[in-house]
Amino acid sequence: LPALHRAGKNAVGVFKNRPAEKDTTILVYVLIPFKSFESIASLEE
């Protein structure tokens, strides 16, 4: 997240699934917004 902030991404969401009896896997979701499709590839660079 600090690296994303330095890259101009200041609204990054990180979420976890609420525990349930049937859950056997922990899930973590990371949501990143982009202003253009091209910027998705350039982020990794």
All heavy atoms as atom14 arrays in JSON, in Angstrom:
{
  "sequence": "LPALHRAGKNAVGVFKNRPAEKDTTILVYVLIPFKSFESIASLEE",
  "atom14_mask": [
    [1, 1, 1, 1, 1, 1, 1, 1, 0, 0, 0, 0, 0, 0],
    [1, 1, 1, 1, 1, 1, 1, 0, 0, 0, 0, 0, 0, 0],
    [1, 1, 1, 1, 1, 0, 0, 0, 0, 0, 0, 0, 0, 0],
    [1, 1, 1, 1, 1, 1, 1, 1, 0, 0, 0, 0, 0, 0],
    [1, 1, 1, 1, 1, 1, 1, 1, 1, 1, 0, 0, 0, 0],
    [1, 1, 1, 1, 1, 1, 1, 1, 1, 1, 1, 0, 0, 0],
    [1, 1, 1, 1, 1, 0, 0, 0, 0, 0, 0, 0, 0, 0],
    [1, 1, 1, 1, 0, 0, 0, 0, 0, 0, 0, 0, 0, 0],
    [1, 1, 1, 1, 1, 1, 1, 1, 1, 0, 0, 0, 0, 0],
    [1, 1, 1, 1, 1, 1, 1, 1, 0, 0, 0, 0, 0, 0],
    [1, 1, 1, 1, 1, 0, 0, 0, 0, 0, 0, 0, 0, 0],
    [1, 1, 1, 1, 1, 1, 1, 0, 0, 0, 0, 0, 0, 0],
    [1, 1, 1, 1, 0, 0, 0, 0, 0, 0, 0, 0, 0, 0],
    [1, 1, 1, 1, 1, 1, 1, 0, 0, 0, 0, 0, 0, 0],
    [1, 1, 1, 1, 1, 1, 1, 1, 1, 1, 1, 0, 0, 0],
    [1, 1, 1, 1, 1, 1, 1, 1, 1, 0, 0, 0, 0, 0],
    [1, 1, 1, 1, 1, 1, 1, 1, 0, 0, 0, 0, 0, 0],
    [1, 1, 1, 1, 1, 1, 1, 1, 1, 1, 1, 0, 0, 0],
    [1, 1, 1, 1, 1, 1, 1, 0, 0, 0, 0, 0, 0, 0],
    [1, 1, 1, 1, 1, 0, 0, 0, 0, 0, 0, 0, 0, 0],
    [1, 1, 1, 1, 1, 1, 1, 1, 1, 0, 0, 0, 0, 0],
    [1, 1, 1, 1, 1, 1, 1, 1, 1, 0, 0, 0, 0, 0],
    [1, 1, 1, 1, 1, 1, 1, 1, 0, 0, 0, 0, 0, 0],
    [1, 1, 1, 1, 1, 1, 1, 0, 0, 0, 0, 0, 0, 0],
    [1, 1, 1, 1, 1, 1, 1, 0, 0, 0, 0, 0, 0, 0],
    [1, 1, 1, 1, 1, 1, 1, 1, 0, 0, 0, 0, 0, 0],
    [1, 1, 1, 1, 1, 1, 1, 1, 0, 0, 0, 0, 0, 0],
    [1, 1, 1, 1, 1, 1, 1, 0, 0, 0, 0, 0, 0, 0],
    [1, 1, 1, 1, 1, 1, 1, 1, 1, 1, 1, 1, 0, 0],
    [1, 1, 1, 1, 1, 1, 1, 0, 0, 0, 0, 0, 0, 0],
    [1, 1, 1, 1, 1, 1, 1, 1, 0, 0, 0, 0, 0, 0],
    [1, 1, 1, 1, 1, 1, 1, 1, 0, 0, 0, 0, 0, 0],
    [1, 1, 1, 1, 1, 1, 1, 0, 0, 0, 0, 0, 0, 0],
    [1, 1, 1, 1, 1, 1, 1, 1, 1, 1, 1, 0, 0, 0],
    [1, 1, 1, 1, 1, 1, 1, 1, 1, 0, 0, 0, 0, 0],
    [1, 1, 1, 1, 1, 1, 0, 0, 0, 0, 0, 0, 0, 0],
    [1, 1, 1, 1, 1, 1, 1, 1, 1, 1, 1, 0, 0, 0],
    [1, 1, 1, 1, 1, 1, 1, 1, 1, 0, 0, 0, 0, 0],
    [1, 1, 1, 1, 1, 1, 0, 0, 0, 0, 0, 0, 0, 0],
    [1, 1, 1, 1, 1, 1, 1, 1, 0, 0, 0, 0, 0, 0],
    [1, 1, 1, 1, 1, 0, 0, 0, 0, 0, 0, 0, 0, 0],
    [1, 1, 1, 1, 1, 1, 0, 0, 0, 0, 0, 0, 0, 0],
    [1, 1, 1, 1, 1, 1, 1, 1, 0, 0, 0, 0, 0, 0],
    [1, 1, 1, 1, 1, 1, 1, 1, 1, 0, 0, 0, 0, 0],
    [1, 1, 1, 1, 1, 1, 1, 1, 1, 0, 0, 0, 0, 0]
  ],
  "atom14_positions": [
    [[0.82, -1.22, 0.0], [0.0, 0.0, 0.0], [0.85, 1.26, 0.0], [0.53, 2.21, -0.74], [-0.99, 0.0, 1.17], [-2.42, -0.46, 0.77], [-2.41, -1.94, 0.43], [-3.42, -0.17, 1.87], [0.0, 0.0, 0.0], [0.0, 0.0, 0.0], [0.0, 0.0, 0.0], [0.0, 0.0, 0.0], [0.0, 0.0, 0.0], [0.0, 0.0, 0.0]],
    [[1.93, 1.34, 0.8], [2.78, 2.54, 0.71], [3.33, 2.75, -0.7], [3.43, 3.89, -1.17], [3.9, 2.25, 1.72], [3.26, 1.37, 2.73], [2.33, 0.48, 1.93], [0.0, 0.0, 0.0], [0.0, 0.0, 0.0], [0.0, 0.0, 0.0], [0.0, 0.0, 0.0], [0.0, 0.0, 0.0], [0.0, 0.0, 0.0], [0.0, 0.0, 0.0]],
    [[3.69, 1.65, -1.38], [4.2, 1.77, -2.76], [3.1, 2.25, -3.7], [3.34, 3.08, -4.58], [4.75, 0.43, -3.23], [0.0, 0.0, 0.0], [0.0, 0.0, 0.0], [0.0, 0.0, 0.0], [0.0, 0.0, 0.0], [0.0, 0.0, 0.0], [0.0, 0.0, 0.0], [0.0, 0.0, 0.0], [0.0, 0.0, 0.0], [0.0, 0.0, 0.0]],
    [[1.87, 1.75, -3.5], [0.75, 2.21, -4.32], [0.47, 3.69, -4.08], [0.17, 4.43, -5.01], [-0.49, 1.37, -4.02], [-0.46, -0.09, -4.45], [-1.76, -0.79, -4.07], [-0.22, -0.22, -5.95], [0.0, 0.0, 0.0], [0.0, 0.0, 0.0], [0.0, 0.0, 0.0], [0.0, 0.0, 0.0], [0.0, 0.0, 0.0], [0.0, 0.0, 0.0]],
    [[0.59, 4.11, -2.83], [0.39, 5.53, -2.5], [1.44, 6.38, -3.21], [1.12, 7.45, -3.74], [0.46, 5.74, -1.0], [-0.66, 5.09, -0.25], [-0.62, 4.87, 1.12], [-1.86, 4.6, -0.67], [-1.76, 4.29, 1.49], [-2.51, 4.11, 0.43], [0.0, 0.0, 0.0], [0.0, 0.0, 0.0], [0.0, 0.0, 0.0], [0.0, 0.0, 0.0]],
    [[2.68, 5.92, -3.23], [3.74, 6.66, -3.92], [3.47, 6.71, -5.42], [3.89, 7.65, -6.1], [5.11, 6.02, -3.65], [5.63, 6.2, -2.23], [7.1, 5.82, -2.11], [7.33, 4.4, -2.3], [7.24, 3.48, -1.35], [6.91, 3.84, -0.1], [7.48, 2.21, -1.59], [0.0, 0.0, 0.0], [0.0, 0.0, 0.0], [0.0, 0.0, 0.0]],
    [[2.77, 5.71, -5.93], [2.44, 5.66, -7.35], [1.16, 6.41, -7.67], [0.68, 6.39, -8.81], [2.31, 4.21, -7.81], [0.0, 0.0, 0.0], [0.0, 0.0, 0.0], [0.0, 0.0, 0.0], [0.0, 0.0, 0.0], [0.0, 0.0, 0.0], [0.0, 0.0, 0.0], [0.0, 0.0, 0.0], [0.0, 0.0, 0.0], [0.0, 0.0, 0.0]],
    [[0.57, 7.07, -6.66], [-0.62, 7.88, -6.89], [-1.94, 7.18, -6.63], [-3.0, 7.74, -6.91], [0.0, 0.0, 0.0], [0.0, 0.0, 0.0], [0.0, 0.0, 0.0], [0.0, 0.0, 0.0], [0.0, 0.0, 0.0], [0.0, 0.0, 0.0], [0.0, 0.0, 0.0], [0.0, 0.0, 0.0], [0.0, 0.0, 0.0], [0.0, 0.0, 0.0]],
    [[-1.88, 5.97, -6.07], [-3.11, 5.22, -5.75], [-3.42, 5.4, -4.26], [-2.87, 4.72, -3.41], [-2.93, 3.73, -6.07], [-2.47, 3.44, -7.49], [-3.49, 3.9, -8.5], [-3.02, 3.62, -9.92], [-3.93, 4.19, -10.93], [0.0, 0.0, 0.0], [0.0, 0.0, 0.0], [0.0, 0.0, 0.0], [0.0, 0.0, 0.0], [0.0, 0.0, 0.0]],
    [[-4.32, 6.34, -3.96], [-4.59, 6.7, -2.57], [-5.93, 6.21, -2.04], [-6.36, 6.61, -0.97], [-4.5, 8.22, -2.41], [-3.11, 8.75, -2.7], [-2.12, 8.22, -2.22], [-3.04, 9.79, -3.53], [0.0, 0.0, 0.0], [0.0, 0.0, 0.0], [0.0, 0.0, 0.0], [0.0, 0.0, 0.0], [0.0, 0.0, 0.0], [0.0, 0.0, 0.0]],
    [[-6.59, 5.35, -2.81], [-7.89, 4.81, -2.37], [-7.9, 3.31, -2.63], [-8.67, 2.8, -3.44], [-9.04, 5.49, -3.09], [0.0, 0.0, 0.0], [0.0, 0.0, 0.0], [0.0, 0.0, 0.0], [0.0, 0.0, 0.0], [0.0, 0.0, 0.0], [0.0, 0.0, 0.0], [0.0, 0.0, 0.0], [0.0, 0.0, 0.0], [0.0, 0.0, 0.0]],
    [[-7.02, 2.62, -1.93], [-6.87, 1.17, -2.09], [-7.62, 0.46, -0.97], [-7.43, 0.77, 0.21], [-5.39, 0.75, -2.08], [-5.25, -0.75, -2.26], [-4.61, 1.5, -3.15], [0.0, 0.0, 0.0], [0.0, 0.0, 0.0], [0.0, 0.0, 0.0], [0.0, 0.0, 0.0], [0.0, 0.0, 0.0], [0.0, 0.0, 0.0], [0.0, 0.0, 0.0]],
    [[-8.48, -0.46, -1.33], [-9.24, -1.19, -0.33], [-8.66, -2.56, -0.06], [-8.26, -3.26, -1.0], [0.0, 0.0, 0.0], [0.0, 0.0, 0.0], [0.0, 0.0, 0.0], [0.0, 0.0, 0.0], [0.0, 0.0, 0.0], [0.0, 0.0, 0.0], [0.0, 0.0, 0.0], [0.0, 0.0, 0.0], [0.0, 0.0, 0.0], [0.0, 0.0, 0.0]],
    [[-8.57, -2.94, 1.21], [-8.15, -4.29, 1.58], [-9.22, -4.86, 2.5], [-9.53, -4.27, 3.54], [-6.79, -4.3, 2.3], [-6.38, -5.74, 2.64], [-5.71, -3.64, 1.44], [0.0, 0.0, 0.0], [0.0, 0.0, 0.0], [0.0, 0.0, 0.0], [0.0, 0.0, 0.0], [0.0, 0.0, 0.0], [0.0, 0.0, 0.0], [0.0, 0.0, 0.0]],
    [[-9.78, -6.0, 2.12], [-10.9, -6.57, 2.85], [-10.66, -8.05, 3.13], [-9.96, -8.73, 2.37], [-12.2, -6.43, 2.02], [-12.39, -5.07, 1.43], [-12.04, -4.82, 0.11], [-12.9, -4.02, 2.17], [-12.21, -3.57, -0.45], [-13.07, -2.77, 1.62], [-12.72, -2.53, 0.31], [0.0, 0.0, 0.0], [0.0, 0.0, 0.0], [0.0, 0.0, 0.0]],
    [[-11.28, -8.53, 4.2], [-11.21, -9.95, 4.55], [-12.61, -10.52, 4.67], [-13.55, -9.79, 5.02], [-10.45, -10.14, 5.86], [-8.98, -9.74, 5.8], [-8.27, -10.04, 7.1], [-6.79, -9.66, 7.01], [-6.06, -10.0, 8.26], [0.0, 0.0, 0.0], [0.0, 0.0, 0.0], [0.0, 0.0, 0.0], [0.0, 0.0, 0.0], [0.0, 0.0, 0.0]],
    [[-12.72, -11.81, 4.36], [-14.02, -12.45, 4.48], [-14.39, -12.66, 5.95], [-13.54, -12.96, 6.78], [-14.05, -13.78, 3.72], [-12.99, -14.76, 4.2], [-11.87, -14.37, 4.51], [-13.34, -16.04, 4.26], [0.0, 0.0, 0.0], [0.0, 0.0, 0.0], [0.0, 0.0, 0.0], [0.0, 0.0, 0.0], [0.0, 0.0, 0.0], [0.0, 0.0, 0.0]],
    [[-15.65, -12.46, 6.25], [-16.12, -12.69, 7.61], [-16.16, -14.19, 7.87], [-16.64, -14.95, 7.05], [-17.5, -12.06, 7.8], [-17.46, -10.54, 7.81], [-18.78, -9.92, 8.19], [-18.59, -8.51, 8.48], [-18.18, -8.02, 9.64], [-17.94, -8.85, 10.63], [-18.02, -6.73, 9.83], [0.0, 0.0, 0.0], [0.0, 0.0, 0.0], [0.0, 0.0, 0.0]],
    [[-15.66, -14.63, 9.04], [-15.6, -16.07, 9.34], [-16.99, -16.7, 9.32], [-17.97, -16.12, 9.77], [-15.02, -16.11, 10.76], [-14.3, -14.8, 10.92], [-15.1, -13.81, 10.12], [0.0, 0.0, 0.0], [0.0, 0.0, 0.0], [0.0, 0.0, 0.0], [0.0, 0.0, 0.0], [0.0, 0.0, 0.0], [0.0, 0.0, 0.0], [0.0, 0.0, 0.0]],
    [[-17.06, -17.88, 8.77], [-18.29, -18.67, 8.77], [-17.91, -20.14, 8.99], [-16.78, -20.54, 8.73], [-19.04, -18.51, 7.44], [0.0, 0.0, 0.0], [0.0, 0.0, 0.0], [0.0, 0.0, 0.0], [0.0, 0.0, 0.0], [0.0, 0.0, 0.0], [0.0, 0.0, 0.0], [0.0, 0.0, 0.0], [0.0, 0.0, 0.0], [0.0, 0.0, 0.0]],
    [[-18.85, -20.92, 9.48], [-18.56, -22.31, 9.8], [-18.06, -23.09, 8.59], [-17.22, -23.97, 8.71], [-19.82, -22.97, 10.36], [-20.2, -22.47, 11.76], [-21.41, -23.21, 12.31], [-21.86, -24.17, 11.66], [-21.88, -22.84, 13.39], [0.0, 0.0, 0.0], [0.0, 0.0, 0.0], [0.0, 0.0, 0.0], [0.0, 0.0, 0.0], [0.0, 0.0, 0.0]],
    [[-18.57, -22.76, 7.41], [-18.2, -23.51, 6.22], [-16.87, -23.05, 5.61], [-16.35, -23.7, 4.72], [-19.3, -23.41, 5.17], [-19.53, -22.0, 4.64], [-20.63, -21.99, 3.58], [-20.85, -20.58, 3.05], [-21.92, -20.55, 2.01], [0.0, 0.0, 0.0], [0.0, 0.0, 0.0], [0.0, 0.0, 0.0], [0.0, 0.0, 0.0], [0.0, 0.0, 0.0]],
    [[-16.33, -21.93, 6.09], [-15.09, -21.41, 5.53], [-13.91, -22.3, 5.9], [-13.7, -22.62, 7.07], [-14.82, -19.99, 6.02], [-15.74, -18.96, 5.38], [-16.36, -19.3, 4.37], [-15.83, -17.84, 5.91], [0.0, 0.0, 0.0], [0.0, 0.0, 0.0], [0.0, 0.0, 0.0], [0.0, 0.0, 0.0], [0.0, 0.0, 0.0], [0.0, 0.0, 0.0]],
    [[-13.12, -22.68, 4.93], [-11.88, -23.42, 5.17], [-10.68, -22.65, 4.66], [-9.55, -23.03, 4.93], [-11.92, -24.79, 4.48], [-12.13, -24.6, 3.08], [-13.04, -25.66, 5.05], [0.0, 0.0, 0.0], [0.0, 0.0, 0.0], [0.0, 0.0, 0.0], [0.0, 0.0, 0.0], [0.0, 0.0, 0.0], [0.0, 0.0, 0.0], [0.0, 0.0, 0.0]],
    [[-10.94, -21.57, 3.92], [-9.86, -20.76, 3.35], [-10.03, -19.31, 3.77], [-11.13, -18.78, 3.78], [-9.88, -20.84, 1.81], [-9.75, -22.21, 1.41], [-8.75, -20.03, 1.21], [0.0, 0.0, 0.0], [0.0, 0.0, 0.0], [0.0, 0.0, 0.0], [0.0, 0.0, 0.0], [0.0, 0.0, 0.0], [0.0, 0.0, 0.0], [0.0, 0.0, 0.0]],
    [[-8.92, -18.69, 4.15], [-8.93, -17.26, 4.46], [-8.78, -16.51, 3.14], [-7.88, -16.79, 2.35], [-7.76, -16.9, 5.4], [-7.83, -17.73, 6.68], [-7.77, -15.41, 5.72], [-6.57, -17.67, 7.52], [0.0, 0.0, 0.0], [0.0, 0.0, 0.0], [0.0, 0.0, 0.0], [0.0, 0.0, 0.0], [0.0, 0.0, 0.0], [0.0, 0.0, 0.0]],
    [[-9.68, -15.55, 2.9], [-9.62, -14.77, 1.67], [-9.34, -13.31, 2.0], [-9.94, -12.74, 2.9], [-10.95, -14.88, 0.91], [-11.36, -16.27, 0.43], [-12.72, -16.21, -0.23], [-10.33, -16.84, -0.54], [0.0, 0.0, 0.0], [0.0, 0.0, 0.0], [0.0, 0.0, 0.0], [0.0, 0.0, 0.0], [0.0, 0.0, 0.0], [0.0, 0.0, 0.0]],
    [[-8.42, -12.72, 1.24], [-8.09, -11.3, 1.39], [-8.24, -10.66, 0.01], [-7.65, -11.13, -0.98], [-6.67, -11.09, 1.92], [-6.36, -9.6, 2.02], [-6.49, -11.76, 3.28], [0.0, 0.0, 0.0], [0.0, 0.0, 0.0], [0.0, 0.0, 0.0], [0.0, 0.0, 0.0], [0.0, 0.0, 0.0], [0.0, 0.0, 0.0], [0.0, 0.0, 0.0]],
    [[-9.04, -9.59, -0.05], [-9.34, -8.9, -1.31], [-8.63, -7.55, -1.33], [-8.71, -6.78, -0.36], [-10.85, -8.66, -1.43], [-11.7, -9.91, -1.45], [-11.95, -10.62, -0.29], [-12.28, -10.36, -2.64], [-12.75, -11.76, -0.29], [-13.08, -11.49, -2.66], [-13.3, -12.19, -1.48], [-14.1, -13.32, -1.49], [0.0, 0.0, 0.0], [0.0, 0.0, 0.0]],
    [[-7.96, -7.25, -2.43], [-7.29, -5.96, -2.6], [-7.88, -5.27, -3.83], [-7.78, -5.78, -4.95], [-5.76, -6.13, -2.77], [-5.1, -4.76, -2.93], [-5.17, -6.88, -1.59], [0.0, 0.0, 0.0], [0.0, 0.0, 0.0], [0.0, 0.0, 0.0], [0.0, 0.0, 0.0], [0.0, 0.0, 0.0], [0.0, 0.0, 0.0], [0.0, 0.0, 0.0]],
    [[-8.53, -4.13, -3.61], [-9.19, -3.38, -4.67], [-8.38, -2.14, -5.02], [-8.11, -1.3, -4.15], [-10.6, -2.98, -4.23], [-11.41, -2.12, -5.2], [-11.75, -2.89, -6.46], [-12.68, -1.59, -4.53], [0.0, 0.0, 0.0], [0.0, 0.0, 0.0], [0.0, 0.0, 0.0], [0.0, 0.0, 0.0], [0.0, 0.0, 0.0], [0.0, 0.0, 0.0]],
    [[-8.01, -2.02, -6.3], [-7.21, -0.87, -6.75], [-7.92, -0.19, -7.91], [-8.24, -0.84, -8.92], [-5.81, -1.32, -7.22], [-5.11, -2.18, -6.16], [-4.94, -0.1, -7.55], [-3.82, -2.8, -6.65], [0.0, 0.0, 0.0], [0.0, 0.0, 0.0], [0.0, 0.0, 0.0], [0.0, 0.0, 0.0], [0.0, 0.0, 0.0], [0.0, 0.0, 0.0]],
    [[-8.2, 1.11, -7.81], [-8.83, 1.84, -8.92], [-7.78, 2.38, -9.9], [-6.67, 2.74, -9.51], [-9.54, 2.99, -8.21], [-8.67, 3.27, -7.02], [-8.07, 1.94, -6.61], [0.0, 0.0, 0.0], [0.0, 0.0, 0.0], [0.0, 0.0, 0.0], [0.0, 0.0, 0.0], [0.0, 0.0, 0.0], [0.0, 0.0, 0.0], [0.0, 0.0, 0.0]],
    [[-8.16, 2.45, -11.18], [-7.29, 2.99, -12.23], [-8.1, 3.96, -13.09], [-9.28, 3.73, -13.35], [-6.74, 1.87, -13.11], [-5.82, 0.91, -12.4], [-6.33, -0.2, -11.74], [-4.46, 1.11, -12.39], [-5.49, -1.09, -11.09], [-3.6, 0.24, -11.74], [-4.12, -0.87, -11.08], [0.0, 0.0, 0.0], [0.0, 0.0, 0.0], [0.0, 0.0, 0.0]],
    [[-7.45, 5.01, -13.55], [-8.11, 5.99, -14.39], [-8.1, 5.61, -15.87], [-8.8, 6.21, -16.67], [-7.44, 7.36, -14.21], [-7.66, 7.98, -12.84], [-9.15, 8.19, -12.57], [-9.39, 8.86, -11.23], [-10.84, 9.0, -10.93], [0.0, 0.0, 0.0], [0.0, 0.0, 0.0], [0.0, 0.0, 0.0], [0.0, 0.0, 0.0], [0.0, 0.0, 0.0]],
    [[-7.29, 4.63, -16.23], [-7.25, 4.17, -17.62], [-6.81, 2.72, -17.64], [-6.18, 2.23, -16.69], [-6.29, 5.01, -18.46], [-4.95, 4.77, -18.08], [0.0, 0.0, 0.0], [0.0, 0.0, 0.0], [0.0, 0.0, 0.0], [0.0, 0.0, 0.0], [0.0, 0.0, 0.0], [0.0, 0.0, 0.0], [0.0, 0.0, 0.0], [0.0, 0.0, 0.0]],
    [[-7.13, 2.04, -18.73], [-6.72, 0.63, -18.85], [-5.21, 0.52, -18.98], [-4.6, -0.41, -18.44], [-7.4, 0.01, -20.07], [-7.18, -1.47, -20.18], [-7.9, -2.36, -19.39], [-6.25, -1.98, -21.07], [-7.69, -3.73, -19.48], [-6.04, -3.36, -21.17], [-6.77, -4.23, -20.37], [0.0, 0.0, 0.0], [0.0, 0.0, 0.0], [0.0, 0.0, 0.0]],
    [[-4.6, 1.48, -19.66], [-3.14, 1.44, -19.85], [-2.39, 1.5, -18.52], [-1.31, 0.93, -18.39], [-2.7, 2.6, -20.75], [-3.17, 2.5, -22.18], [-4.59, 3.03, -22.39], [-5.24, 3.41, -21.39], [-5.03, 3.06, -23.54], [0.0, 0.0, 0.0], [0.0, 0.0, 0.0], [0.0, 0.0, 0.0], [0.0, 0.0, 0.0], [0.0, 0.0, 0.0]],
    [[-2.94, 2.21, -17.55], [-2.24, 2.39, -16.27], [-2.19, 1.11, -15.45], [-1.4, 1.02, -14.51], [-2.9, 3.51, -15.46], [-4.26, 3.18, -15.16], [0.0, 0.0, 0.0], [0.0, 0.0, 0.0], [0.0, 0.0, 0.0], [0.0, 0.0, 0.0], [0.0, 0.0, 0.0], [0.0, 0.0, 0.0], [0.0, 0.0, 0.0], [0.0, 0.0, 0.0]],
    [[-3.0, 0.11, -15.79], [-2.96, -1.16, -15.06], [-1.61, -1.85, -15.29], [-0.96, -2.3, -14.36], [-4.12, -2.08, -15.51], [-5.46, -1.44, -15.16], [-4.0, -3.45, -14.84], [-6.66, -2.21, -15.66], [0.0, 0.0, 0.0], [0.0, 0.0, 0.0], [0.0, 0.0, 0.0], [0.0, 0.0, 0.0], [0.0, 0.0, 0.0], [0.0, 0.0, 0.0]],
    [[-1.2, -1.9, -16.55], [0.07, -2.55, -16.87], [1.25, -1.74, -16.37], [2.25, -2.31, -15.9], [0.17, -2.76, -18.38], [0.0, 0.0, 0.0], [0.0, 0.0, 0.0], [0.0, 0.0, 0.0], [0.0, 0.0, 0.0], [0.0, 0.0, 0.0], [0.0, 0.0, 0.0], [0.0, 0.0, 0.0], [0.0, 0.0, 0.0], [0.0, 0.0, 0.0]],
    [[1.18, -0.43, -16.45], [2.31, 0.42, -16.05], [2.55, 0.38, -14.55], [3.66, 0.67, -14.09], [2.07, 1.86, -16.49], [0.96, 2.43, -15.84], [0.0, 0.0, 0.0], [0.0, 0.0, 0.0], [0.0, 0.0, 0.0], [0.0, 0.0, 0.0], [0.0, 0.0, 0.0], [0.0, 0.0, 0.0], [0.0, 0.0, 0.0], [0.0, 0.0, 0.0]],
    [[1.54, -0.01, -13.76], [1.73, -0.06, -12.3], [2.81, -1.06, -11.92], [3.67, -0.77, -11.07], [0.42, -0.41, -11.61], [0.51, -0.58, -10.09], [0.96, 0.72, -9.42], [-0.83, -1.04, -9.51], [0.0, 0.0, 0.0], [0.0, 0.0, 0.0], [0.0, 0.0, 0.0], [0.0, 0.0, 0.0], [0.0, 0.0, 0.0], [0.0, 0.0, 0.0]],
    [[2.79, -2.24, -12.53], [3.79, -3.26, -12.2], [5.2, -2.77, -12.54], [6.15, -3.06, -11.81], [3.48, -4.55, -12.96], [2.25, -5.28, -12.47], [2.32, -5.66, -11.0], [3.39, -6.11, -10.55], [1.31, -5.48, -10.29], [0.0, 0.0, 0.0], [0.0, 0.0, 0.0], [0.0, 0.0, 0.0], [0.0, 0.0, 0.0], [0.0, 0.0, 0.0]],
    [[5.33, -2.02, -13.61], [6.63, -1.47, -13.98], [7.13, -0.51, -12.91], [8.31, -0.51, -12.55], [6.54, -0.76, -15.33], [6.2, -1.68, -16.5], [6.06, -0.93, -17.81], [6.4, 0.28, -17.83], [5.64, -1.53, -18.81], [0.0, 0.0, 0.0], [0.0, 0.0, 0.0], [0.0, 0.0, 0.0], [0.0, 0.0, 0.0], [0.0, 0.0, 0.0]]
  ]
}
